[in-house]
Protein backbone atom coordinates (compact mmCIF):
# COMPACT_ATOMS: atom_id res chain seq x y z
CA MET A 1 -8.73 2.45 -8.31
CA ASN A 2 -6.37 2.74 -5.55
CA SER A 3 -6.30 6.55 -5.55
CA ASP A 4 -10.13 6.38 -5.30
CA LEU A 5 -9.17 3.89 -2.37
CA VAL A 6 -6.72 6.17 -0.46
CA ASP A 7 -9.21 9.43 -0.85
CA ARG A 8 -12.42 7.21 0.59
CA ALA A 9 -9.83 6.06 3.59
CA THR A 10 -8.46 9.29 4.15
CA ALA A 11 -12.02 10.74 4.82
CA ASP A 12 -13.46 7.99 6.58
CA VAL A 13 -10.39 8.34 9.14
CA SER A 14 -10.82 12.04 9.09
CA ARG A 15 -14.53 11.48 10.37
CA GLN A 16 -13.25 9.25 13.15
CA LEU A 17 -10.78 11.63 14.03
CA GLU A 18 -12.73 14.91 14.16
CA GLY A 19 -12.42 16.37 17.18
CA VAL A 20 -8.67 15.15 18.04
CA GLN A 21 -5.95 17.40 18.22
CA ARG A 22 -2.85 15.11 18.71
CA LEU A 23 -3.22 11.49 18.12
CA GLY A 24 -0.71 8.69 18.74
CA VAL A 25 -0.72 5.38 16.53
CA ALA A 26 1.26 2.21 18.08
CA PHE A 27 3.45 1.89 15.62
CA SER A 28 5.69 -1.14 14.53
CA GLY A 29 6.73 -0.10 10.91
CA GLY A 30 4.71 -3.20 9.39
CA VAL A 31 2.24 -2.15 6.64
CA ASP A 32 -1.32 -2.05 8.50
CA SER A 33 0.35 0.30 11.40
CA SER A 34 2.14 2.08 8.60
CA VAL A 35 -1.03 3.00 6.72
CA LEU A 36 -2.99 4.18 9.99
CA LEU A 37 0.03 6.38 9.94
CA ALA A 38 0.08 7.79 6.64
CA LEU A 39 -3.61 8.09 6.82
CA ALA A 40 -3.66 9.67 9.91
CA ALA A 41 -1.21 12.35 8.73
CA ARG A 42 -3.13 12.75 5.68
CA ALA A 43 -6.11 13.59 7.80
CA LEU A 44 -4.67 15.70 11.02
CA GLY A 45 -1.10 17.04 9.44
CA PRO A 46 1.87 15.15 10.38
CA SER A 47 2.46 17.52 13.06
CA ARG A 48 -0.46 16.48 15.20
CA VAL A 49 0.44 12.52 14.87
CA LEU A 50 3.14 10.61 17.17
CA ALA A 51 4.40 7.39 15.87
CA LEU A 52 5.14 5.29 19.51
CA LEU A 53 7.41 2.39 18.97
CA GLY A 54 7.51 -0.23 21.56
CA VAL A 55 10.70 -1.49 22.14
CA SER A 56 11.81 -4.50 24.27
CA PRO A 57 14.12 -7.65 23.53
CA SER A 58 10.84 -8.70 21.70
CA LEU A 59 11.68 -6.38 18.98
CA ALA A 60 14.19 -7.05 16.06
CA ALA A 61 16.89 -4.36 14.97
CA ASP A 62 15.52 -4.77 11.64
CA GLU A 63 11.92 -4.49 12.62
CA ARG A 64 13.28 -1.00 14.62
CA ALA A 65 14.86 0.18 11.80
CA GLY A 66 12.08 -0.21 9.38
CA ALA A 67 9.67 1.57 11.48
CA TYR A 68 12.09 4.76 11.80
CA GLU A 69 12.29 4.98 7.95
CA VAL A 70 8.48 4.89 7.30
CA ALA A 71 8.26 7.43 10.19
CA HIS A 72 11.00 9.66 8.01
CA HIS A 73 9.37 8.78 4.86
CA LEU A 74 5.72 10.34 5.98
CA GLY A 75 7.70 13.10 8.29
CA VAL A 76 5.87 12.27 11.46
CA ARG A 77 8.41 12.11 14.65
CA LEU A 78 8.73 8.58 16.12
CA THR A 79 8.94 8.58 19.82
CA GLU A 80 10.31 4.91 21.34
CA VAL A 81 8.07 3.47 24.46
CA GLU A 82 10.09 1.42 26.39
CA THR A 83 8.52 -1.55 27.43
CA HIS A 84 8.98 -4.27 30.16
CA GLU A 85 6.50 -7.25 29.34
CA GLY A 86 9.41 -9.85 30.17
CA ASP A 87 8.74 -8.71 34.25
CA ARG A 88 5.19 -10.04 33.79
CA PRO A 89 4.85 -13.32 35.05
CA GLU A 90 1.70 -14.09 32.73
CA TYR A 91 3.55 -12.67 29.58
CA ARG A 92 7.10 -14.91 30.29
CA ALA A 93 4.28 -18.13 30.76
CA ASN A 94 3.89 -17.59 27.15
CA GLY A 95 0.13 -19.03 27.00
CA PRO A 96 -2.02 -18.20 24.11
CA ASP A 97 -2.97 -15.07 26.23
CA ARG A 98 0.27 -13.89 25.68
CA CYS A 99 -0.24 -10.68 23.09
CA PHE A 100 -2.43 -9.81 25.59
CA TRP A 101 -0.27 -8.94 28.09
CA CYS A 102 2.41 -7.75 25.42
CA LYS A 103 -0.11 -4.84 24.44
CA ASP A 104 -1.20 -4.12 27.86
CA GLU A 105 2.31 -3.73 28.78
CA LEU A 106 2.54 -1.40 25.63
CA PHE A 107 -0.73 0.63 26.19
CA THR A 108 -0.15 1.30 29.99
CA ARG A 109 3.29 2.73 29.32
CA ILE A 110 1.68 5.14 26.29
CA GLU A 111 -0.85 6.29 29.11
CA ALA A 112 1.68 6.76 31.98
CA ALA A 113 3.82 8.76 29.43
CA ASP A 114 3.16 12.63 28.94
CA HIS A 115 2.66 12.53 25.42
CA GLY A 116 -0.24 15.43 25.50
CA LEU A 117 -2.39 12.80 23.29
CA ASP A 118 -6.21 12.83 22.93
CA ALA A 119 -6.01 9.55 21.49
CA VAL A 120 -4.26 6.47 20.45
CA ALA A 121 -4.90 4.12 17.59
CA TYR A 122 -3.38 0.92 16.28
CA GLY A 123 -3.75 -0.70 12.63
CA GLU A 124 -6.36 -3.63 13.32
CA ASN A 125 -7.70 -4.04 10.00
CA ALA A 126 -11.23 -5.78 9.06
CA ASP A 127 -10.04 -8.93 8.49
CA ASP A 128 -7.94 -9.31 11.80
CA ILE A 129 -11.47 -8.89 13.97
CA ARG A 130 -12.93 -11.78 12.17
CA ARG A 131 -9.56 -13.77 13.73
CA THR A 132 -10.07 -15.49 17.06
CA ASP A 133 -6.16 -15.91 17.74
CA ARG A 134 -5.51 -12.32 18.42
CA PRO A 135 -5.75 -11.68 22.23
CA GLY A 136 -3.84 -8.34 21.81
CA SER A 137 -7.26 -7.07 20.37
CA ARG A 138 -8.79 -7.38 23.77
CA ALA A 139 -5.77 -5.22 25.60
CA ALA A 140 -6.62 -2.51 23.00
CA ALA A 141 -10.54 -2.41 23.87
CA ALA A 142 -9.46 -2.42 27.44
CA HIS A 143 -7.65 0.72 26.80
CA ARG A 144 -9.85 2.42 24.57
CA VAL A 145 -7.42 2.54 21.86
CA LEU A 146 -9.30 3.52 18.41
CA THR A 147 -8.97 0.95 15.52
CA PRO A 148 -9.69 3.10 12.39
CA LEU A 149 -8.69 0.85 9.67
CA ALA A 150 -11.09 -1.67 10.74
CA THR A 151 -14.08 0.63 11.80
CA ALA A 152 -13.57 2.10 8.09
CA GLY A 153 -14.00 -1.78 6.78
CA LEU A 154 -10.36 -1.67 5.26
CA THR A 155 -9.07 -5.29 4.48
CA LYS A 156 -5.61 -6.77 4.36
CA ALA A 157 -5.73 -6.38 0.75
CA ASP A 158 -7.25 -2.73 0.86
CA VAL A 159 -4.04 -1.72 3.16
CA ARG A 160 -1.51 -3.12 0.98
CA GLY A 161 -3.18 -1.14 -1.90
CA ILE A 162 -3.17 2.19 -0.25
CA ALA A 163 0.63 1.42 0.75
CA ARG A 164 1.18 0.83 -2.69
CA ALA A 165 -0.63 3.67 -3.88
CA LEU A 166 1.22 6.19 -1.34
CA GLY A 167 4.46 4.59 -1.81
CA LEU A 168 5.15 3.26 1.59
CA PRO A 169 8.60 1.63 2.43
CA SER A 170 6.63 -1.37 3.81
CA ALA A 171 3.94 -1.63 0.96
CA ASP A 172 5.35 -5.22 0.42
CA LYS A 173 6.63 -6.08 3.67
CA PRO A 174 5.98 -9.51 4.85
CA ALA A 175 3.91 -9.79 8.56
CA ALA A 176 6.20 -9.73 11.05
CA PRO A 177 4.93 -10.75 14.34
CA CYS A 178 7.45 -10.30 17.50
CA LEU A 179 10.03 -12.45 18.15
CA ALA A 180 7.94 -14.05 20.92
CA SER A 181 5.53 -15.72 18.27
CA ARG A 182 8.19 -18.31 17.50
CA ILE A 183 8.25 -19.95 20.85
CA PRO A 184 5.81 -22.36 21.26
CA HIS A 185 3.11 -21.49 23.68
CA PHE A 186 3.90 -22.95 27.73
CA ILE A 187 7.38 -23.05 26.78
CA PRO A 188 8.82 -19.77 28.81
CA VAL A 189 9.61 -16.35 26.65
CA ASP A 190 13.13 -15.01 27.91
CA ALA A 191 15.81 -13.02 26.45
CA VAL A 192 18.45 -15.85 25.13
CA LYS A 193 15.39 -17.35 22.81
CA LEU A 194 14.61 -14.05 21.49
CA SER A 195 18.01 -13.26 20.71
CA GLN A 196 18.80 -16.58 19.01
CA VAL A 197 15.50 -16.30 16.59
CA GLU A 198 16.74 -12.60 16.06
CA ARG A 199 19.89 -13.72 14.80
CA ALA A 200 18.95 -16.70 12.68
CA GLU A 201 16.21 -14.72 11.07
CA ALA A 202 18.45 -11.58 10.19
CA ALA A 203 21.19 -14.31 8.68
CA LEU A 204 18.45 -15.47 6.47
CA ARG A 205 17.03 -12.42 5.52
CA ARG A 206 20.99 -11.64 4.25
CA LEU A 207 20.54 -15.13 2.07
CA GLY A 208 17.58 -13.25 0.29
CA PHE A 209 14.51 -14.66 2.16
CA GLY A 210 11.72 -12.92 2.79
CA ASP A 211 8.42 -13.92 4.17
CA PHE A 212 9.41 -16.79 6.59
CA ARG A 213 9.62 -17.71 10.51
CA VAL A 214 12.14 -19.41 12.41
CA ARG A 215 10.70 -21.47 15.25
CA HIS A 216 12.25 -22.11 18.32
CA HIS A 217 12.33 -25.63 19.90
CA GLY A 218 14.73 -25.72 22.42
CA GLU A 219 18.41 -26.88 20.35
CA ILE A 220 15.68 -27.21 16.76
CA ALA A 221 15.27 -24.52 14.98
CA ARG A 222 11.92 -25.19 12.75
CA LEU A 223 12.17 -23.23 9.22
CA GLU A 224 9.00 -21.96 8.10
CA LEU A 225 9.36 -20.59 4.61
CA PRO A 226 7.17 -20.01 1.37
CA ILE A 227 6.33 -23.45 -0.66
CA ALA A 228 8.50 -21.50 -3.62
CA ASP A 229 11.68 -21.04 -1.27
CA LEU A 230 11.60 -24.96 0.16
CA GLU A 231 13.59 -26.28 -2.60
CA ARG A 232 16.11 -23.35 -2.64
CA ALA A 233 16.85 -23.44 1.27
CA ALA A 234 16.97 -27.44 1.00
CA GLY A 235 19.30 -27.21 -2.15
CA GLU A 236 21.44 -24.53 -3.46
CA LEU A 237 21.43 -22.92 -0.02
CA ARG A 238 21.32 -25.96 2.42
CA GLU A 239 24.83 -25.18 3.82
CA ALA A 240 24.22 -21.48 4.08
CA VAL A 241 21.11 -21.77 5.98
CA HIS A 242 22.56 -24.47 7.89
CA THR A 243 25.52 -22.09 8.73
CA ALA A 244 23.34 -19.33 9.17
CA VAL A 245 21.11 -20.78 11.80
CA THR A 246 23.65 -22.69 13.83
CA GLU A 247 25.56 -19.91 14.19
CA ALA A 248 22.53 -18.10 16.27
CA GLY A 249 22.91 -20.94 19.05
CA PHE A 250 20.97 -23.80 17.55
CA ARG A 251 21.86 -27.52 17.31
CA PHE A 252 19.77 -28.64 14.29
CA VAL A 253 17.82 -27.14 11.64
CA ALA A 254 14.89 -28.38 10.06
CA VAL A 255 12.51 -27.09 7.27
CA ASP A 256 8.72 -27.68 7.85
CA LEU A 257 7.17 -29.02 4.41
CA ALA A 258 3.95 -27.43 5.40
CA GLY A 259 5.31 -24.11 4.55
CA ILE A 260 4.80 -20.84 6.06
CA GLN A 261 1.87 -20.74 9.12
CA SER A 262 0.66 -18.01 10.72
CA GLY A 263 -0.35 -17.73 13.86
CA ALA A 264 0.04 -21.66 14.08
CA PHE A 265 1.09 -21.67 17.82
CA THR A 266 -1.80 -20.00 18.87
CA ARG A 267 -4.31 -21.70 16.70
CA ALA A 268 -3.02 -25.23 17.73
CA ALA A 269 -3.25 -24.24 21.49
CA ARG A 270 -6.96 -23.35 21.16
CA ARG A 271 -8.08 -26.44 19.54
């Protein structure tokens, strides 16, 4: 079944990219952009596709390394695009539209660089376009960035299935929004907060946690974990979790009994 899905998706993406000689893929190493990169490489050939990784303090070092792993696996060249969203007051203000300014910065930097591209695409899927908490998609539309996965009607489940069928290193990788998403809206984003979150999350990954968020509330770190991990975090690993997070610069550590909540800050700000 998944091999049929891969073939159909490849054919659909090939049709969408007809006439494109060189494609840039806004690439994070997450499962969506990894599948887009893989399908584009199958459609055009790896030498005609360029992975473009936005690099700034909001990108965790673990995510950067993972992106290189996927690109190497696919035989696609990866180029880093240094972005400076932190210089934009609208981004630092951290309103619900923060992601718009971040993506606008990325696509503006890509356009300004001389990569010899005919088009740029990014990994929005068919489920994403139904959500109202993704202002980054407006920036993509403003820059005429292609959305081959969404246009093909590929859902998140489809994307996961394709990733597994292709054996991508990111196939089972949890969603990993940028570090700024851990800071409540209207609390200014700065490099210190981003570093605290990155260090705490890296330490928790070393303890064996996978899908989680460390939300930044000043001196308090609020841990969002899958329900299945709550008992372990508050039980056998309680001291290790406390140490891992406080050594990252937080004074207090709280475990949120509601579990992990993707996009919680943006949805709350829109109510």
